[in-house]
Amino acid sequence: MSKKAINRLKVVLAEKNMSSKWLAEQLGKNEATISRWCTNEVQPPIKTFVKVAELLDVKLTNLFND
């Protein structure tokens, strides 16, 4: 059984036509770090999710699966 995807970062980036490279630049993070967030391998701190929501102009709740 695959582990549940907690965040929808990859989906939201795709919906907004934004790349993980762009997000990495905005946040001053390594692209590999963003990639691990997108695959739900690791989760960023909640304040990072807040920043991502602002950058992508989405509600914070849009970044998470129900």
Protein backbone atom coordinates (compact mmCIF):
# COMPACT_ATOMS: atom_id res chain seq x y z
CA MET A 1 0.00 0.00 0.00
CA SER A 2 1.37 3.40 -0.96
CA LYS A 3 1.54 6.07 1.68
CA LYS A 4 -1.11 8.76 1.58
CA ALA A 5 -0.13 11.96 -0.14
CA ILE A 6 -0.51 14.61 2.53
CA ASN A 7 0.13 17.68 0.41
CA ARG A 8 -1.07 18.58 -3.08
CA LEU A 9 1.94 20.73 -3.89
CA LYS A 10 2.71 18.96 -7.16
CA VAL A 11 -0.92 19.26 -8.30
CA VAL A 12 -1.24 22.92 -7.35
CA LEU A 13 2.05 23.80 -9.06
CA ALA A 14 0.76 22.09 -12.22
CA GLU A 15 -2.59 23.89 -11.99
CA LYS A 16 -0.77 27.21 -11.72
CA ASN A 17 1.70 26.30 -14.48
CA MET A 18 4.57 26.87 -12.08
CA SER A 19 7.67 24.72 -11.78
CA SER A 20 9.31 23.32 -8.70
CA LYS A 21 12.42 25.19 -9.86
CA TRP A 22 10.49 28.47 -9.67
CA LEU A 23 9.22 27.60 -6.20
CA ALA A 24 12.73 26.68 -5.07
CA GLU A 25 13.99 30.08 -6.24
CA GLN A 26 11.16 31.94 -4.50
CA LEU A 27 11.81 30.15 -1.22
CA GLY A 28 15.59 30.09 -1.47
CA LYS A 29 15.54 26.31 -1.27
CA ASN A 30 17.26 23.52 -3.14
CA GLU A 31 15.24 22.07 -6.02
CA ALA A 32 15.76 18.59 -4.57
CA THR A 33 14.06 19.75 -1.37
CA ILE A 34 11.02 20.96 -3.30
CA SER A 35 10.97 17.69 -5.21
CA ARG A 36 10.82 15.73 -1.93
CA TRP A 37 7.91 17.92 -0.79
CA CYS A 38 6.12 17.33 -4.12
CA THR A 39 6.47 13.56 -3.81
CA ASN A 40 5.38 13.76 -0.15
CA GLU A 41 8.66 12.15 0.91
CA VAL A 42 9.01 14.92 3.49
CA GLN A 43 6.75 17.77 4.58
CA PRO A 44 7.91 21.34 4.95
CA PRO A 45 7.15 23.28 8.13
CA ILE A 46 3.65 24.76 8.28
CA LYS A 47 5.01 28.31 7.95
CA THR A 48 6.58 27.24 4.65
CA PHE A 49 3.19 25.97 3.49
CA VAL A 50 1.76 29.38 4.39
CA LYS A 51 4.43 31.09 2.27
CA VAL A 52 3.83 28.68 -0.62
CA ALA A 53 0.09 29.40 -0.49
CA GLU A 54 0.84 33.12 -0.70
CA LEU A 55 3.26 32.66 -3.61
CA LEU A 56 0.80 30.51 -5.54
CA ASP A 57 -2.16 32.67 -4.56
CA VAL A 58 -4.21 29.77 -3.19
CA LYS A 59 -5.86 29.10 0.13
CA LEU A 60 -3.68 27.17 2.55
CA THR A 61 -6.24 24.35 2.61
CA ASN A 62 -5.78 23.92 -1.17
CA LEU A 63 -2.31 22.58 -0.49
CA PHE A 64 -3.59 19.59 1.46
CA ASN A 65 -5.62 16.49 0.68
CA ASP A 66 -8.78 15.96 2.70
